[in-house]
Protein backbone atom coordinates (compact mmCIF):
# COMPACT_ATOMS: atom_id res chain seq x y z
CA MET A 1 40.53 -104.57 6.65
CA GLU A 2 38.33 -107.46 6.67
CA GLN A 3 37.66 -108.87 9.91
CA SER A 4 37.56 -112.72 8.87
CA ALA A 5 40.88 -112.26 7.28
CA SER A 6 42.55 -110.79 10.64
CA VAL A 7 44.63 -112.79 12.95
CA ARG A 8 46.70 -112.03 16.23
CA TRP A 9 50.22 -113.39 16.36
CA ARG A 10 52.55 -113.32 19.46
CA ILE A 11 56.03 -112.81 18.09
CA ARG A 12 59.27 -113.19 20.20
CA PHE A 13 62.38 -111.49 18.60
CA SER A 14 65.61 -112.66 19.36
CA GLY A 15 69.10 -111.37 18.57
CA SER A 16 70.36 -107.58 18.92
CA VAL A 17 66.71 -106.32 19.46
CA GLN A 18 67.13 -104.16 22.73
CA HIS A 19 68.74 -100.79 22.75
CA VAL A 20 68.63 -100.29 19.14
CA GLY A 21 65.24 -98.64 18.94
CA PHE A 22 63.27 -101.70 17.96
CA ARG A 23 60.35 -101.11 19.83
CA TYR A 24 59.93 -97.62 18.48
CA MET A 25 60.42 -99.00 14.77
CA ALA A 26 57.92 -101.57 15.41
CA TYR A 27 55.55 -99.09 16.69
CA TYR A 28 56.08 -96.96 13.60
CA PHE A 29 55.88 -99.64 10.98
CA ALA A 30 52.80 -101.31 12.85
CA ARG A 31 50.71 -97.86 12.86
CA SER A 32 51.71 -97.24 9.25
CA LEU A 33 50.19 -100.71 8.37
CA CYS A 34 47.01 -100.08 10.44
CA LEU A 35 47.75 -103.10 12.78
CA THR A 36 47.05 -103.18 16.47
CA GLY A 37 48.69 -104.64 19.48
CA TRP A 38 51.86 -103.95 21.53
CA VAL A 39 55.50 -104.53 21.76
CA ASP A 40 57.83 -104.94 24.95
CA ASN A 41 61.20 -105.91 25.94
CA LEU A 42 61.86 -109.20 28.08
CA PRO A 43 64.25 -109.36 30.93
CA ASP A 44 66.27 -112.00 28.77
CA GLY A 45 67.14 -109.40 25.98
CA SER A 46 64.55 -110.67 23.56
CA VAL A 47 61.45 -108.55 22.46
CA LEU A 48 57.67 -109.81 22.68
CA MET A 49 55.05 -108.45 20.32
CA GLU A 50 51.43 -109.16 19.97
CA VAL A 51 50.19 -107.82 16.56
CA GLN A 52 46.79 -107.96 15.12
CA GLY A 53 45.64 -107.46 11.53
CA SER A 54 45.80 -109.20 8.31
CA VAL A 55 48.43 -111.72 7.45
CA THR A 56 49.60 -109.84 4.55
CA GLN A 57 50.04 -106.71 6.83
CA ILE A 58 51.87 -108.50 9.56
CA ARG A 59 54.23 -110.10 6.95
CA LYS A 60 54.86 -106.65 5.86
CA LEU A 61 55.78 -105.45 9.24
CA LEU A 62 58.13 -108.43 9.56
CA VAL A 63 59.76 -107.59 6.46
CA GLN A 64 60.25 -104.00 7.29
CA LEU A 65 61.79 -104.78 10.83
CA LYS A 66 64.01 -107.51 9.12
CA SER A 67 65.24 -104.93 6.52
CA GLN A 68 66.57 -102.56 9.23
CA PRO A 69 70.43 -102.64 9.45
CA HIS A 70 70.58 -101.65 13.04
CA LEU A 71 68.25 -104.57 13.97
CA HIS A 72 69.67 -108.10 14.12
CA ILE A 73 67.07 -110.61 14.40
CA THR A 74 68.34 -113.97 14.78
CA ASP A 75 65.14 -115.75 15.47
CA LEU A 76 61.57 -115.46 15.33
CA GLN A 77 58.96 -117.47 17.53
CA ILE A 78 55.33 -116.92 16.15
CA THR A 79 52.27 -118.24 17.72
CA GLU A 80 48.78 -117.65 16.49
CA ILE A 81 46.70 -116.53 19.41
CA GLU A 82 43.11 -115.44 20.26
CA LYS A 83 42.27 -112.01 18.83
CA VAL A 84 41.44 -108.91 21.09
CA PRO A 85 38.23 -107.56 20.07
CA PHE A 86 37.91 -103.58 19.88
CA GLU A 87 41.59 -102.88 19.94
CA ARG A 88 42.21 -99.84 18.40
CA ARG A 89 45.75 -98.99 18.14
CA PHE A 90 49.52 -100.32 18.51
CA SER A 91 51.50 -99.28 21.78
CA VAL A 92 55.07 -99.59 23.16
CA ARG A 93 55.01 -101.19 26.73
CA GLY A 94 57.85 -100.71 29.39
CA HIS A 95 58.70 -97.07 28.42
């Protein structure tokens, strides 16, 4: 992956996204796409993710998550944030 093409997005997912395996699906898909970052449940029932990699790969991750029949994402809030240098993996927080 070209470093110049990489970005880091903070994404807040709303809908039926807790207690349905969302974090672990995100982990699996992110790892398979060579993305780094983390995903965590928030107290209000939403899920927060920071994901780093190419825009193309991050978009693939979002398509994969949206296509899961048991995940019902009703809203996405995406903010581009500063990249984390030397991050090596994607993790699930709060487990």
